[in-house]
Structures are given as structure tokens and as C-alpha cells.
Amino acid sequence: MFKKAKDAVDRILESLLAVFMSASVFNVSWQVFTRFALRHPSSWTEEAARFLLIWTGLLGASYAAGKKMHLPLDFLLLKLKGRARKLAELSIQAFIFVFALLVMVLGGIRLVAMTFILSQVSAALKIKLGYVYLALPLSGFLIMFYSFVFFVEKAKERESLGNFDPLKSKSFRAQE
């Protein structure tokens, strides 16, 4: 059940990130062309590049978290074995979930609400900044989703394997 949902979210994020990166490449190319070829730089491209970078960076971080491509600090984790390691991995996912909830989602919603209340608008594009800052709570929700999926997968992992440890099995040692 979670695998299908995770795969769907992955595909949506991949598509969004491809669109944002393509738009960013086009935007920066247009900025360079107008500055050097036309000698009249476009007024909106710098701001658009900044906003695209915000969305690409935050959604890209969510995608990386979902693919477990983030840089882990696993020195201690590699020293643990069995039940202690599983507990540590579950704790890490719980901390990630709580951080994403408190800082990214709740803090992001507060930031978005404040910018809408104050009617803050970008200088060149005249976009309400609340729309730009929506990337923060959205990214937080995605990280929470991925963390929850990994937590459930890790919690069920031992149930499906029983007490089987592939590193201690005779067939694994025979391959070494």
C-alpha cells in the first residue's frame, strides 16, 4: 500500500523537478541572452531564478530524503547491530518526522500565513510571496510522508524476516 503511494509521489516530484529545472535553464539562458546580445537585461529573470531555486532546492531535498540520497552521518549507526540498530533507525525517522512537522510544516505555514496577511509581493514579478514560501510546508509534508513510510517499513522489517540474518547465513558466507 505505501509502496504504490511512495512511487506515485516519487513520479510527481520527478516531473515537477524536471519542469522547474527546465524553466530555470530557460530563464537563466534568457537572462544571459538579453544582457549580452540585446544589451538590455530582462528585469524579471533574476527574481524568477531565485524563486525557482527555492522551489527546486526544497522539493529536491524532499525527493532526496525519499530516495535516501541525503548525506547520512552513520558512524554510530554502523557500530550498532540487531535490535539496537533497528531502534536507532526508528528513532532517526521519528526525529526527522518531528523536525519536518515543527520547523518546516508548522513554521512554514506560519511564514506563508504572515506573508499573505501582510500582502507581501515580489518586486519584479508581482507574485505574492506566500506562494513562493509554500515550498517550505509542502516540502515538510513530503519529508514527513517519506519518514512515515520508512518508519513503517523498518518496523515491519523484522516481522517478515523473522530471526534470519543474511550476513550469518551459510550461503552468504560461501559466496565470500
N, C-alpha and C. Protein backbone atom coordinates (compact mmCIF):
# COMPACT_ATOMS: atom_id res chain seq x y z
N MET A 1 0.82 -1.19 0.00
CA MET A 1 0.00 0.00 0.00
C MET A 1 0.87 1.26 0.00
N PHE A 2 1.83 1.35 0.90
CA PHE A 2 2.69 2.52 0.99
C PHE A 2 3.63 2.60 -0.21
N LYS A 3 4.03 1.45 -0.74
CA LYS A 3 4.95 1.44 -1.88
C LYS A 3 4.33 2.12 -3.09
N LYS A 4 3.06 1.84 -3.36
CA LYS A 4 2.39 2.48 -4.50
C LYS A 4 2.27 3.99 -4.30
N ALA A 5 1.92 4.39 -3.08
CA ALA A 5 1.81 5.82 -2.78
C ALA A 5 3.17 6.50 -2.90
N LYS A 6 4.20 5.86 -2.38
CA LYS A 6 5.55 6.42 -2.45
C LYS A 6 6.01 6.53 -3.90
N ASP A 7 5.75 5.50 -4.70
CA ASP A 7 6.13 5.53 -6.11
C ASP A 7 5.39 6.65 -6.86
N ALA A 8 4.13 6.85 -6.53
CA ALA A 8 3.35 7.92 -7.17
C ALA A 8 3.91 9.29 -6.79
N VAL A 9 4.21 9.48 -5.51
CA VAL A 9 4.79 10.75 -5.06
C VAL A 9 6.16 10.96 -5.71
N ASP A 10 6.95 9.90 -5.81
CA ASP A 10 8.26 10.00 -6.48
C ASP A 10 8.11 10.47 -7.93
N ARG A 11 7.17 9.87 -8.65
CA ARG A 11 6.96 10.25 -10.06
C ARG A 11 6.51 11.71 -10.19
N ILE A 12 5.61 12.13 -9.31
CA ILE A 12 5.15 13.52 -9.35
C ILE A 12 6.31 14.47 -9.06
N LEU A 13 7.10 14.15 -8.03
CA LEU A 13 8.25 15.00 -7.69
C LEU A 13 9.27 15.04 -8.82
N GLU A 14 9.54 13.89 -9.43
CA GLU A 14 10.49 13.84 -10.55
C GLU A 14 10.02 14.75 -11.68
N SER A 15 8.74 14.70 -11.99
CA SER A 15 8.19 15.53 -13.07
C SER A 15 8.27 17.02 -12.71
N LEU A 16 7.86 17.36 -11.48
CA LEU A 16 7.92 18.76 -11.05
C LEU A 16 9.36 19.29 -11.07
N LEU A 17 10.27 18.48 -10.58
CA LEU A 17 11.67 18.92 -10.55
C LEU A 17 12.23 19.08 -11.96
N ALA A 18 11.83 18.21 -12.88
CA ALA A 18 12.27 18.35 -14.28
C ALA A 18 11.72 19.64 -14.88
N VAL A 19 10.46 19.95 -14.60
CA VAL A 19 9.86 21.19 -15.11
C VAL A 19 10.57 22.40 -14.51
N PHE A 20 10.81 22.39 -13.18
CA PHE A 20 11.47 23.52 -12.53
C PHE A 20 12.90 23.70 -13.04
N MET A 21 13.60 22.61 -13.23
CA MET A 21 14.98 22.71 -13.73
C MET A 21 14.98 23.21 -15.17
N SER A 22 14.06 22.74 -15.99
CA SER A 22 13.97 23.21 -17.38
C SER A 22 13.64 24.69 -17.41
N ALA A 23 12.69 25.10 -16.59
CA ALA A 23 12.33 26.51 -16.52
C ALA A 23 13.51 27.35 -16.05
N SER A 24 14.27 26.82 -15.12
CA SER A 24 15.44 27.53 -14.60
C SER A 24 16.50 27.70 -15.69
N VAL A 25 16.74 26.64 -16.45
CA VAL A 25 17.73 26.72 -17.54
C VAL A 25 17.27 27.74 -18.58
N PHE A 26 16.01 27.68 -18.95
CA PHE A 26 15.47 28.64 -19.93
C PHE A 26 15.58 30.07 -19.38
N ASN A 27 15.19 30.24 -18.14
CA ASN A 27 15.21 31.56 -17.51
C ASN A 27 16.62 32.16 -17.49
N VAL A 28 17.60 31.38 -17.05
CA VAL A 28 18.97 31.89 -16.97
C VAL A 28 19.54 32.12 -18.38
N SER A 29 19.19 31.25 -19.31
CA SER A 29 19.64 31.45 -20.69
C SER A 29 19.06 32.75 -21.26
N TRP A 30 17.79 33.00 -21.00
CA TRP A 30 17.16 34.23 -21.46
C TRP A 30 17.84 35.46 -20.81
N GLN A 31 18.16 35.32 -19.53
CA GLN A 31 18.83 36.43 -18.83
C GLN A 31 20.18 36.73 -19.47
N VAL A 32 20.95 35.70 -19.78
CA VAL A 32 22.26 35.90 -20.40
C VAL A 32 22.09 36.50 -21.80
N PHE A 33 21.13 35.97 -22.56
CA PHE A 33 20.90 36.47 -23.92
C PHE A 33 20.51 37.96 -23.90
N THR A 34 19.57 38.32 -23.03
CA THR A 34 19.14 39.72 -23.00
C THR A 34 20.24 40.64 -22.50
N ARG A 35 21.07 40.15 -21.61
CA ARG A 35 22.13 41.00 -21.07
C ARG A 35 23.25 41.22 -22.08
N PHE A 36 23.70 40.15 -22.73
CA PHE A 36 24.87 40.26 -23.59
C PHE A 36 24.54 40.47 -25.06
N ALA A 37 23.50 39.85 -25.58
CA ALA A 37 23.17 40.01 -27.00
C ALA A 37 22.34 41.25 -27.25
N LEU A 38 21.34 41.48 -26.43
CA LEU A 38 20.45 42.62 -26.63
C LEU A 38 20.92 43.88 -25.90
N ARG A 39 21.86 43.72 -24.97
CA ARG A 39 22.39 44.83 -24.16
C ARG A 39 21.28 45.53 -23.35
N HIS A 40 20.23 44.78 -23.06
CA HIS A 40 19.13 45.31 -22.25
C HIS A 40 18.62 44.15 -21.38
N PRO A 41 19.20 43.98 -20.18
CA PRO A 41 18.85 42.81 -19.35
C PRO A 41 17.37 42.79 -18.96
N SER A 42 16.84 41.61 -18.98
CA SER A 42 15.44 41.40 -18.57
C SER A 42 15.29 41.71 -17.09
N SER A 43 14.21 42.36 -16.72
CA SER A 43 14.04 42.81 -15.33
C SER A 43 13.51 41.72 -14.39
N TRP A 44 12.91 40.69 -14.92
CA TRP A 44 12.25 39.70 -14.08
C TRP A 44 13.04 38.41 -13.90
N THR A 45 14.06 38.17 -14.71
CA THR A 45 14.72 36.86 -14.71
C THR A 45 15.50 36.57 -13.43
N GLU A 46 16.08 37.59 -12.83
CA GLU A 46 16.84 37.34 -11.59
C GLU A 46 15.92 36.87 -10.47
N GLU A 47 14.78 37.51 -10.36
CA GLU A 47 13.81 37.13 -9.32
C GLU A 47 13.22 35.74 -9.61
N ALA A 48 12.92 35.48 -10.87
CA ALA A 48 12.39 34.16 -11.24
C ALA A 48 13.42 33.07 -10.95
N ALA A 49 14.69 33.34 -11.21
CA ALA A 49 15.74 32.36 -10.92
C ALA A 49 15.79 32.06 -9.43
N ARG A 50 15.66 33.10 -8.61
CA ARG A 50 15.69 32.92 -7.16
C ARG A 50 14.51 32.07 -6.69
N PHE A 51 13.32 32.35 -7.19
CA PHE A 51 12.13 31.61 -6.77
C PHE A 51 12.17 30.16 -7.26
N LEU A 52 12.65 29.97 -8.48
CA LEU A 52 12.80 28.60 -8.99
C LEU A 52 13.82 27.82 -8.18
N LEU A 53 14.88 28.50 -7.76
CA LEU A 53 15.89 27.84 -6.93
C LEU A 53 15.32 27.43 -5.58
N ILE A 54 14.48 28.26 -4.99
CA ILE A 54 13.85 27.92 -3.71
C ILE A 54 12.99 26.66 -3.86
N TRP A 55 12.13 26.66 -4.87
CA TRP A 55 11.25 25.51 -5.07
C TRP A 55 12.05 24.25 -5.44
N THR A 56 13.01 24.40 -6.32
CA THR A 56 13.82 23.24 -6.74
C THR A 56 14.63 22.70 -5.57
N GLY A 57 15.21 23.58 -4.78
CA GLY A 57 16.02 23.13 -3.65
C GLY A 57 15.21 22.41 -2.59
N LEU A 58 14.06 22.97 -2.23
CA LEU A 58 13.25 22.35 -1.17
C LEU A 58 12.58 21.06 -1.66
N LEU A 59 12.02 21.08 -2.86
CA LEU A 59 11.42 19.84 -3.37
C LEU A 59 12.50 18.79 -3.69
N GLY A 60 13.66 19.26 -4.13
CA GLY A 60 14.78 18.34 -4.36
C GLY A 60 15.25 17.70 -3.07
N ALA A 61 15.24 18.46 -1.98
CA ALA A 61 15.61 17.89 -0.67
C ALA A 61 14.59 16.83 -0.25
N SER A 62 13.32 17.09 -0.51
CA SER A 62 12.28 16.10 -0.20
C SER A 62 12.49 14.83 -1.02
N TYR A 63 12.77 15.02 -2.29
CA TYR A 63 12.99 13.87 -3.17
C TYR A 63 14.21 13.07 -2.72
N ALA A 64 15.27 13.78 -2.37
CA ALA A 64 16.48 13.10 -1.88
C ALA A 64 16.20 12.35 -0.59
N ALA A 65 15.41 12.93 0.29
CA ALA A 65 15.04 12.24 1.53
C ALA A 65 14.23 10.99 1.21
N GLY A 66 13.34 11.08 0.22
CA GLY A 66 12.53 9.93 -0.16
C GLY A 66 13.32 8.81 -0.80
N LYS A 67 14.42 9.15 -1.44
CA LYS A 67 15.28 8.15 -2.07
C LYS A 67 16.45 7.76 -1.17
N LYS A 68 16.47 8.31 0.03
CA LYS A 68 17.57 8.10 0.99
C LYS A 68 18.92 8.44 0.35
N MET A 69 18.93 9.55 -0.37
CA MET A 69 20.15 10.00 -1.04
C MET A 69 20.82 11.13 -0.26
N HIS A 70 20.26 11.49 0.89
CA HIS A 70 20.87 12.54 1.68
C HIS A 70 22.14 12.01 2.32
N LEU A 71 22.97 12.90 2.75
CA LEU A 71 24.25 12.52 3.35
C LEU A 71 24.04 12.07 4.79
N PRO A 72 24.20 10.79 5.06
CA PRO A 72 23.99 10.33 6.44
C PRO A 72 25.27 10.46 7.27
N LEU A 73 25.06 10.69 8.54
CA LEU A 73 26.17 10.62 9.49
C LEU A 73 25.95 9.32 10.25
N ASP A 74 26.51 8.25 9.71
CA ASP A 74 26.18 6.92 10.21
C ASP A 74 27.33 6.24 10.95
N PHE A 75 28.25 7.01 11.48
CA PHE A 75 29.38 6.42 12.20
C PHE A 75 28.88 5.57 13.37
N LEU A 76 28.00 6.13 14.18
CA LEU A 76 27.46 5.39 15.32
C LEU A 76 26.55 4.25 14.86
N LEU A 77 25.73 4.53 13.86
CA LEU A 77 24.78 3.54 13.38
C LEU A 77 25.47 2.28 12.85
N LEU A 78 26.61 2.45 12.22
CA LEU A 78 27.35 1.30 11.69
C LEU A 78 27.92 0.42 12.80
N LYS A 79 28.10 0.98 13.98
CA LYS A 79 28.62 0.22 15.11
C LYS A 79 27.54 -0.63 15.78
N LEU A 80 26.28 -0.28 15.55
CA LEU A 80 25.17 -0.98 16.21
C LEU A 80 24.75 -2.20 15.41
N LYS A 81 24.19 -3.15 16.10
CA LYS A 81 23.74 -4.39 15.47
C LYS A 81 22.36 -4.75 16.01
N GLY A 82 21.63 -5.51 15.22
CA GLY A 82 20.37 -6.09 15.66
C GLY A 82 19.33 -5.10 16.14
N ARG A 83 18.81 -5.39 17.33
CA ARG A 83 17.72 -4.61 17.91
C ARG A 83 18.12 -3.16 18.18
N ALA A 84 19.34 -2.93 18.62
CA ALA A 84 19.81 -1.57 18.91
C ALA A 84 19.86 -0.74 17.62
N ARG A 85 20.31 -1.36 16.54
CA ARG A 85 20.37 -0.65 15.26
C ARG A 85 18.96 -0.32 14.75
N LYS A 86 18.06 -1.28 14.87
CA LYS A 86 16.69 -1.05 14.42
C LYS A 86 16.06 0.09 15.24
N LEU A 87 16.27 0.06 16.53
CA LEU A 87 15.74 1.12 17.39
C LEU A 87 16.33 2.48 17.03
N ALA A 88 17.61 2.52 16.74
CA ALA A 88 18.26 3.76 16.34
C ALA A 88 17.69 4.27 15.02
N GLU A 89 17.50 3.37 14.05
CA GLU A 89 16.95 3.77 12.75
C GLU A 89 15.52 4.28 12.89
N LEU A 90 14.73 3.63 13.75
CA LEU A 90 13.36 4.09 14.00
C LEU A 90 13.38 5.46 14.69
N SER A 91 14.31 5.64 15.61
CA SER A 91 14.43 6.93 16.30
C SER A 91 14.81 8.05 15.34
N ILE A 92 15.72 7.75 14.44
CA ILE A 92 16.14 8.75 13.44
C ILE A 92 14.94 9.18 12.60
N GLN A 93 14.14 8.21 12.14
CA GLN A 93 12.96 8.56 11.34
C GLN A 93 11.96 9.36 12.16
N ALA A 94 11.81 9.03 13.43
CA ALA A 94 10.90 9.79 14.30
C ALA A 94 11.39 11.23 14.47
N PHE A 95 12.70 11.42 14.65
CA PHE A 95 13.25 12.77 14.78
C PHE A 95 13.08 13.57 13.48
N ILE A 96 13.31 12.92 12.35
CA ILE A 96 13.12 13.58 11.06
C ILE A 96 11.66 14.01 10.91
N PHE A 97 10.74 13.13 11.28
CA PHE A 97 9.31 13.43 11.19
C PHE A 97 8.96 14.64 12.06
N VAL A 98 9.42 14.63 13.31
CA VAL A 98 9.10 15.72 14.24
C VAL A 98 9.73 17.03 13.77
N PHE A 99 10.97 17.00 13.29
CA PHE A 99 11.62 18.21 12.78
C PHE A 99 10.84 18.77 11.60
N ALA A 100 10.50 17.91 10.64
CA ALA A 100 9.75 18.37 9.46
C ALA A 100 8.41 18.96 9.87
N LEU A 101 7.76 18.33 10.85
CA LEU A 101 6.46 18.83 11.31
C LEU A 101 6.60 20.20 11.97
N LEU A 102 7.49 20.30 12.95
CA LEU A 102 7.59 21.53 13.74
C LEU A 102 8.21 22.69 12.97
N VAL A 103 9.32 22.43 12.32
CA VAL A 103 10.05 23.52 11.67
C VAL A 103 9.53 23.81 10.27
N MET A 104 9.42 22.78 9.46
CA MET A 104 9.07 23.02 8.06
C MET A 104 7.57 23.22 7.85
N VAL A 105 6.75 22.37 8.44
CA VAL A 105 5.31 22.48 8.19
C VAL A 105 4.70 23.59 9.04
N LEU A 106 4.80 23.49 10.35
CA LEU A 106 4.17 24.50 11.20
C LEU A 106 4.83 25.86 11.04
N GLY A 107 6.16 25.89 11.04
CA GLY A 107 6.87 27.15 10.82
C GLY A 107 6.61 27.69 9.42
N GLY A 108 6.58 26.81 8.44
CA GLY A 108 6.32 27.23 7.06
C GLY A 108 4.91 27.77 6.88
N ILE A 109 3.94 27.11 7.50
CA ILE A 109 2.56 27.60 7.42
C ILE A 109 2.44 28.98 8.06
N ARG A 110 3.13 29.16 9.17
CA ARG A 110 3.11 30.47 9.84
C ARG A 110 3.74 31.54 8.94
N LEU A 111 4.85 31.20 8.30
CA LEU A 111 5.51 32.13 7.39
C LEU A 111 4.59 32.48 6.21
N VAL A 112 3.99 31.47 5.61
CA VAL A 112 3.09 31.69 4.47
C VAL A 112 1.91 32.56 4.89
N ALA A 113 1.30 32.22 6.02
CA ALA A 113 0.15 33.00 6.50
C ALA A 113 0.55 34.46 6.74
N MET A 114 1.70 34.67 7.36
CA MET A 114 2.14 36.02 7.65
C MET A 114 2.36 36.82 6.37
N THR A 115 2.96 36.21 5.36
CA THR A 115 3.20 36.95 4.12
C THR A 115 1.90 37.25 3.38
N PHE A 116 0.92 36.35 3.49
CA PHE A 116 -0.38 36.65 2.88
C PHE A 116 -1.11 37.75 3.66
N ILE A 117 -1.04 37.68 4.98
CA ILE A 117 -1.69 38.71 5.81
C ILE A 117 -1.10 40.09 5.52
N LEU A 118 0.24 40.13 5.39
CA LEU A 118 0.91 41.40 5.13
C LEU A 118 0.89 41.80 3.66
N SER A 119 0.31 40.94 2.82
CA SER A 119 0.21 41.19 1.37
C SER A 119 1.56 41.50 0.74
N GLN A 120 2.58 40.73 1.13
CA GLN A 120 3.91 40.95 0.56
C GLN A 120 3.94 40.44 -0.88
N VAL A 121 4.46 41.27 -1.76
CA VAL A 121 4.50 40.96 -3.19
C VAL A 121 5.94 41.14 -3.66
N SER A 122 6.38 40.28 -4.58
CA SER A 122 7.74 40.41 -5.11
C SER A 122 7.84 41.65 -5.98
N ALA A 123 9.03 42.19 -6.07
CA ALA A 123 9.23 43.47 -6.74
C ALA A 123 9.04 43.39 -8.26
N ALA A 124 9.65 42.42 -8.90
CA ALA A 124 9.63 42.37 -10.37
C ALA A 124 8.44 41.58 -10.92
N LEU A 125 8.19 40.43 -10.36
CA LEU A 125 7.14 39.55 -10.89
C LEU A 125 5.75 39.86 -10.34
N LYS A 126 5.69 40.61 -9.25
CA LYS A 126 4.41 40.95 -8.59
C LYS A 126 3.65 39.70 -8.15
N ILE A 127 4.39 38.70 -7.69
CA ILE A 127 3.81 37.46 -7.16
C ILE A 127 3.71 37.61 -5.65
N LYS A 128 2.61 37.15 -5.07
CA LYS A 128 2.51 37.15 -3.61
C LYS A 128 3.57 36.19 -3.08
N LEU A 129 4.38 36.67 -2.14
CA LEU A 129 5.49 35.86 -1.63
C LEU A 129 5.00 34.62 -0.88
N GLY A 130 3.77 34.62 -0.43
CA GLY A 130 3.21 33.43 0.20
C GLY A 130 3.27 32.22 -0.71
N TYR A 131 3.07 32.45 -2.02
CA TYR A 131 3.14 31.34 -2.98
C TYR A 131 4.57 30.82 -3.11
N VAL A 132 5.53 31.70 -3.02
CA VAL A 132 6.93 31.28 -3.08
C VAL A 132 7.27 30.45 -1.83
N TYR A 133 6.82 30.94 -0.67
CA TYR A 133 7.15 30.28 0.59
C TYR A 133 6.34 29.00 0.83
N LEU A 134 5.32 28.73 0.02
CA LEU A 134 4.57 27.48 0.13
C LEU A 134 5.47 26.25 -0.07
N ALA A 135 6.60 26.46 -0.71
CA ALA A 135 7.53 25.35 -0.92
C ALA A 135 7.99 24.75 0.40
N LEU A 136 8.10 25.57 1.44
CA LEU A 136 8.59 25.08 2.74
C LEU A 136 7.63 24.10 3.41
N PRO A 137 6.35 24.45 3.63
CA PRO A 137 5.48 23.44 4.25
C PRO A 137 5.20 22.25 3.33
N LEU A 138 5.15 22.48 2.03
CA LEU A 138 4.95 21.36 1.11
C LEU A 138 6.11 20.38 1.20
N SER A 139 7.32 20.89 1.20
CA SER A 139 8.49 20.04 1.35
C SER A 139 8.48 19.32 2.70
N GLY A 140 8.06 20.02 3.74
CA GLY A 140 7.96 19.39 5.06
C GLY A 140 6.96 18.25 5.07
N PHE A 141 5.80 18.44 4.44
CA PHE A 141 4.81 17.36 4.35
C PHE A 141 5.38 16.16 3.61
N LEU A 142 6.10 16.41 2.53
CA LEU A 142 6.69 15.32 1.76
C LEU A 142 7.74 14.57 2.58
N ILE A 143 8.58 15.30 3.30
CA ILE A 143 9.58 14.64 4.15
C ILE A 143 8.90 13.84 5.25
N MET A 144 7.83 14.38 5.82
CA MET A 144 7.07 13.63 6.84
C MET A 144 6.49 12.35 6.23
N PHE A 145 5.95 12.45 5.02
CA PHE A 145 5.40 11.27 4.34
C PHE A 145 6.47 10.21 4.17
N TYR A 146 7.61 10.61 3.61
CA TYR A 146 8.70 9.64 3.39
C TYR A 146 9.19 9.06 4.71
N SER A 147 9.32 9.89 5.73
CA SER A 147 9.77 9.41 7.03
C SER A 147 8.79 8.39 7.61
N PHE A 148 7.50 8.67 7.48
CA PHE A 148 6.48 7.74 7.96
C PHE A 148 6.57 6.41 7.21
N VAL A 149 6.72 6.47 5.89
CA VAL A 149 6.83 5.25 5.08
C VAL A 149 8.05 4.44 5.51
N PHE A 150 9.20 5.09 5.67
CA PHE A 150 10.41 4.38 6.09
C PHE A 150 10.27 3.82 7.50
N PHE A 151 9.60 4.56 8.38
CA PHE A 151 9.37 4.09 9.75
C PHE A 151 8.55 2.81 9.73
N VAL A 152 7.46 2.81 8.97
CA VAL A 152 6.59 1.62 8.89
C VAL A 152 7.35 0.46 8.27
N GLU A 153 8.10 0.71 7.21
CA GLU A 153 8.88 -0.35 6.56
C GLU A 153 9.90 -0.95 7.53
N LYS A 154 10.59 -0.09 8.27
CA LYS A 154 11.61 -0.57 9.22
C LYS A 154 10.95 -1.32 10.37
N ALA A 155 9.80 -0.85 10.84
CA ALA A 155 9.10 -1.52 11.94
C ALA A 155 8.63 -2.91 11.52
N LYS A 156 8.24 -3.07 10.26
CA LYS A 156 7.76 -4.38 9.77
C LYS A 156 8.90 -5.29 9.30
N GLU A 157 10.08 -4.75 9.14
CA GLU A 157 11.19 -5.49 8.55
C GLU A 157 11.49 -6.80 9.28
N ARG A 158 11.62 -6.79 10.57
CA ARG A 158 11.94 -8.00 11.34
C ARG A 158 10.81 -9.00 11.32
N GLU A 159 9.57 -8.50 11.27
CA GLU A 159 8.43 -9.41 11.25
C GLU A 159 8.48 -10.31 10.02
N SER A 160 8.84 -9.74 8.86
CA SER A 160 8.85 -10.52 7.64
C SER A 160 10.09 -11.41 7.55
N LEU A 161 11.19 -10.99 8.16
CA LEU A 161 12.41 -11.79 8.10
C LEU A 161 12.53 -12.79 9.24
N GLY A 162 11.73 -12.63 10.27
CA GLY A 162 11.87 -13.47 11.45
C GLY A 162 13.21 -13.18 12.09
N ASN A 163 13.96 -14.22 12.44
CA ASN A 163 15.28 -14.04 13.03
C ASN A 163 16.39 -14.26 12.01
N PHE A 164 16.04 -14.32 10.74
CA PHE A 164 17.01 -14.58 9.70
C PHE A 164 17.95 -13.39 9.54
N ASP A 165 19.25 -13.64 9.60
CA ASP A 165 20.26 -12.61 9.38
C ASP A 165 21.09 -13.05 8.18
N PRO A 166 20.96 -12.36 7.03
CA PRO A 166 21.65 -12.81 5.82
C PRO A 166 23.17 -12.80 5.96
N LEU A 167 23.72 -11.97 6.83
CA LEU A 167 25.17 -11.93 6.99
C LEU A 167 25.70 -13.16 7.71
N LYS A 168 24.85 -13.83 8.48
CA LYS A 168 25.28 -15.01 9.22
C LYS A 168 24.90 -16.32 8.52
N SER A 169 24.19 -16.22 7.41
CA SER A 169 23.75 -17.44 6.74
C SER A 169 24.92 -18.12 6.04
N LYS A 170 24.87 -19.44 5.95
CA LYS A 170 25.95 -20.21 5.34
C LYS A 170 26.09 -19.89 3.85
N SER A 171 24.97 -19.70 3.16
CA SER A 171 25.03 -19.42 1.72
C SER A 171 25.69 -18.07 1.45
N PHE A 172 25.51 -17.09 2.32
CA PHE A 172 26.14 -15.79 2.16
C PHE A 172 27.64 -15.91 2.37
N ARG A 173 28.05 -16.65 3.42
CA ARG A 173 29.49 -16.80 3.71
C ARG A 173 30.18 -17.60 2.62
N ALA A 174 29.45 -18.51 1.97
CA ALA A 174 30.05 -19.32 0.91
C ALA A 174 30.37 -18.47 -0.31
N GLN A 175 29.65 -17.36 -0.49
CA GLN A 175 29.89 -16.50 -1.65
C GLN A 175 31.09 -15.61 -1.44
N GLU A 176 31.56 -15.43 -0.22
CA GLU A 176 32.67 -14.52 0.04
C GLU A 176 33.98 -15.00 -0.53
